[in-house]
Amino acid sequence: MNVTLILGVTLIVVGGAMILFAQIANKRAEAAQAWPVVQGKVESTEVKRHSSHNPKTHHTTVSYIPVVNYSYTVEGSSYKGSKLTFGSSTYDSTTAHNIVDQYSTGSSVGVHYDPKNPAKAVLEVKAVGTKMNLIVGIVFAALGVVLIALSY
């Protein structure tokens, strides 16, 4: 089978998945704007360091993930959460620390929870990282279409 065709199809599938992921996160954030809000308490915060090493290039990429653990109560039931937003994104160290610095341990926070499933909650009703996923997904899909066209 033609390698160009296989690569083209692969790029379309990966690009489509990235576009879908971005759209789902955006829809969830939009729906969450109507969720009820209860007062919760920040239990702890941290910035997780994530490193990824490419053995071919011997290059290590380091990124940081802000984590805010919080507790909240809905109709007498207690819950714990750590989801800040919809979507996923990593940051440089300064940005990640600035995000967790907005949430001091012991402070009160507004927790947006899903009324159909109160265990699902976020602190901010926005989607992060979706613009980049959408752009890269579109580029991948477009390249895939071009490669398929060239393979014929």
Protein backbone atom coordinates (compact mmCIF):
# COMPACT_ATOMS: atom_id res chain seq x y z
CA MET A 1 0.00 0.00 0.00
CA ASN A 2 1.14 3.56 -0.71
CA VAL A 3 2.97 5.11 2.27
CA THR A 4 1.73 8.58 1.33
CA LEU A 5 -1.86 7.34 1.42
CA ILE A 6 -1.38 5.70 4.83
CA LEU A 7 0.24 8.84 6.23
CA GLY A 8 -2.56 10.98 4.80
CA VAL A 9 -5.28 8.85 6.36
CA THR A 10 -3.41 8.81 9.68
CA LEU A 11 -3.13 12.60 9.68
CA ILE A 12 -6.84 12.96 8.95
CA VAL A 13 -7.77 10.59 11.79
CA VAL A 14 -5.44 12.26 14.31
CA GLY A 15 -6.51 15.73 13.18
CA GLY A 16 -10.16 14.76 13.41
CA ALA A 17 -9.67 13.41 16.93
CA MET A 18 -7.99 16.65 18.01
CA ILE A 19 -10.81 18.72 16.52
CA LEU A 20 -13.39 16.51 18.24
CA PHE A 21 -11.58 16.77 21.60
CA ALA A 22 -11.54 20.57 21.34
CA GLN A 23 -15.23 20.73 20.42
CA ILE A 24 -16.27 18.42 23.27
CA ALA A 25 -14.32 20.48 25.83
CA ASN A 26 -15.86 23.71 24.50
CA LYS A 27 -19.39 22.25 24.66
CA ARG A 28 -18.84 21.03 28.23
CA ALA A 29 -17.58 24.44 29.31
CA GLU A 30 -20.57 26.09 27.65
CA ALA A 31 -23.02 23.72 29.39
CA ALA A 32 -21.27 24.20 32.75
CA GLN A 33 -22.04 27.92 32.70
CA ALA A 34 -25.58 26.95 33.71
CA TRP A 35 -24.46 24.61 36.50
CA PRO A 36 -25.25 25.55 40.10
CA VAL A 37 -22.44 26.90 42.27
CA VAL A 38 -21.71 25.96 45.89
CA GLN A 39 -19.01 27.18 48.20
CA GLY A 40 -16.10 24.79 48.53
CA LYS A 41 -12.79 24.80 50.32
CA VAL A 42 -9.30 24.54 48.82
CA GLU A 43 -7.64 21.57 50.52
CA SER A 44 -4.23 21.77 48.83
CA THR A 45 -2.43 23.05 45.75
CA GLU A 46 0.63 21.94 43.88
CA VAL A 47 2.37 22.27 40.56
CA LYS A 48 3.23 18.93 38.99
CA ARG A 49 6.33 18.79 36.82
CA HIS A 50 6.12 16.64 33.70
CA SER A 51 9.13 15.85 31.55
CA SER A 52 9.24 14.11 28.22
CA HIS A 53 12.48 12.87 26.70
CA ASN A 54 13.02 12.24 22.99
CA PRO A 55 15.76 9.60 22.69
CA LYS A 56 16.39 10.42 19.03
CA THR A 57 17.08 14.11 19.55
CA HIS A 58 18.22 13.79 23.19
CA HIS A 59 15.89 16.69 23.92
CA THR A 60 13.86 16.83 27.11
CA THR A 61 10.71 18.94 27.27
CA VAL A 62 9.48 20.06 30.67
CA SER A 63 5.97 21.31 31.34
CA TYR A 64 3.95 22.03 34.44
CA ILE A 65 0.40 21.22 35.50
CA PRO A 66 -1.40 23.30 38.15
CA VAL A 67 -3.39 21.15 40.58
CA VAL A 68 -5.97 22.49 43.03
CA ASN A 69 -7.64 19.93 45.31
CA TYR A 70 -10.92 21.12 46.78
CA SER A 71 -13.90 19.79 48.73
CA TYR A 72 -17.55 20.77 48.52
CA THR A 73 -20.96 19.63 49.70
CA VAL A 74 -24.14 19.21 47.64
CA GLU A 75 -27.39 18.34 49.39
CA GLY A 76 -25.58 16.90 52.42
CA SER A 77 -23.13 14.75 50.42
CA SER A 78 -19.42 15.60 50.48
CA TYR A 79 -17.29 15.55 47.36
CA LYS A 80 -13.67 16.15 46.44
CA GLY A 81 -12.46 17.55 43.14
CA SER A 82 -9.33 18.72 41.41
CA LYS A 83 -10.59 19.76 37.99
CA LEU A 84 -9.92 23.43 37.34
CA THR A 85 -11.26 23.75 33.79
CA PHE A 86 -12.38 21.70 30.81
CA GLY A 87 -9.78 20.56 28.31
CA SER A 88 -6.21 20.07 29.28
CA SER A 89 -3.18 22.20 29.07
CA THR A 90 0.33 22.33 30.38
CA TYR A 91 2.18 25.50 31.16
CA ASP A 92 5.58 26.93 31.84
CA SER A 93 6.57 26.99 35.51
CA THR A 94 5.71 30.64 36.11
CA THR A 95 2.22 30.40 34.60
CA ALA A 96 1.40 27.17 36.46
CA HIS A 97 2.52 28.71 39.76
CA ASN A 98 0.51 31.88 39.04
CA ILE A 99 -2.60 29.74 38.52
CA VAL A 100 -2.27 27.83 41.80
CA ASP A 101 -1.38 31.05 43.63
CA GLN A 102 -4.95 32.21 42.92
CA TYR A 103 -6.16 29.41 45.21
CA SER A 104 -4.66 29.48 48.69
CA THR A 105 -5.10 26.44 50.92
CA GLY A 106 -8.07 26.84 53.24
CA SER A 107 -9.72 29.53 51.13
CA SER A 108 -13.32 29.45 49.98
CA VAL A 109 -14.00 28.86 46.27
CA GLY A 110 -17.06 28.71 44.09
CA VAL A 111 -17.48 25.17 42.76
CA HIS A 112 -19.58 24.65 39.64
CA TYR A 113 -21.07 21.16 39.78
CA ASP A 114 -23.10 19.06 37.37
CA PRO A 115 -26.62 18.82 38.87
CA LYS A 116 -27.05 15.40 37.21
CA ASN A 117 -23.81 14.12 38.74
CA PRO A 118 -22.52 16.34 41.57
CA ALA A 119 -19.20 14.44 41.62
CA LYS A 120 -18.35 16.26 38.38
CA ALA A 121 -17.21 19.77 39.13
CA VAL A 122 -14.88 22.55 38.02
CA LEU A 123 -13.69 25.79 39.52
CA GLU A 124 -13.68 27.72 36.23
CA VAL A 125 -16.26 27.19 33.48
CA LYS A 126 -13.89 27.57 30.55
CA ALA A 127 -12.04 25.26 28.20
CA VAL A 128 -8.26 25.53 28.01
CA GLY A 129 -5.91 24.22 25.38
CA THR A 130 -8.71 23.85 22.87
CA LYS A 131 -7.61 26.58 20.45
CA MET A 132 -4.26 24.91 19.94
CA ASN A 133 -5.86 21.47 19.54
CA LEU A 134 -8.30 22.89 17.03
CA ILE A 135 -5.60 24.63 14.98
CA VAL A 136 -3.25 21.64 14.98
CA GLY A 137 -6.15 19.30 14.21
CA ILE A 138 -7.19 21.38 11.20
CA VAL A 139 -3.59 21.53 9.95
CA PHE A 140 -3.15 17.76 10.34
CA ALA A 141 -6.44 17.02 8.57
CA ALA A 142 -5.62 19.43 5.74
CA LEU A 143 -2.15 17.90 5.30
CA GLY A 144 -3.76 14.47 5.25
CA VAL A 145 -6.13 15.53 2.47
CA VAL A 146 -3.21 16.95 0.48
CA LEU A 147 -1.18 13.75 0.92
CA ILE A 148 -4.11 11.59 -0.19
CA ALA A 149 -4.64 13.81 -3.22
CA LEU A 150 -0.94 13.51 -4.11
CA SER A 151 -1.03 9.74 -3.77
CA TYR A 152 -3.44 9.42 -6.73
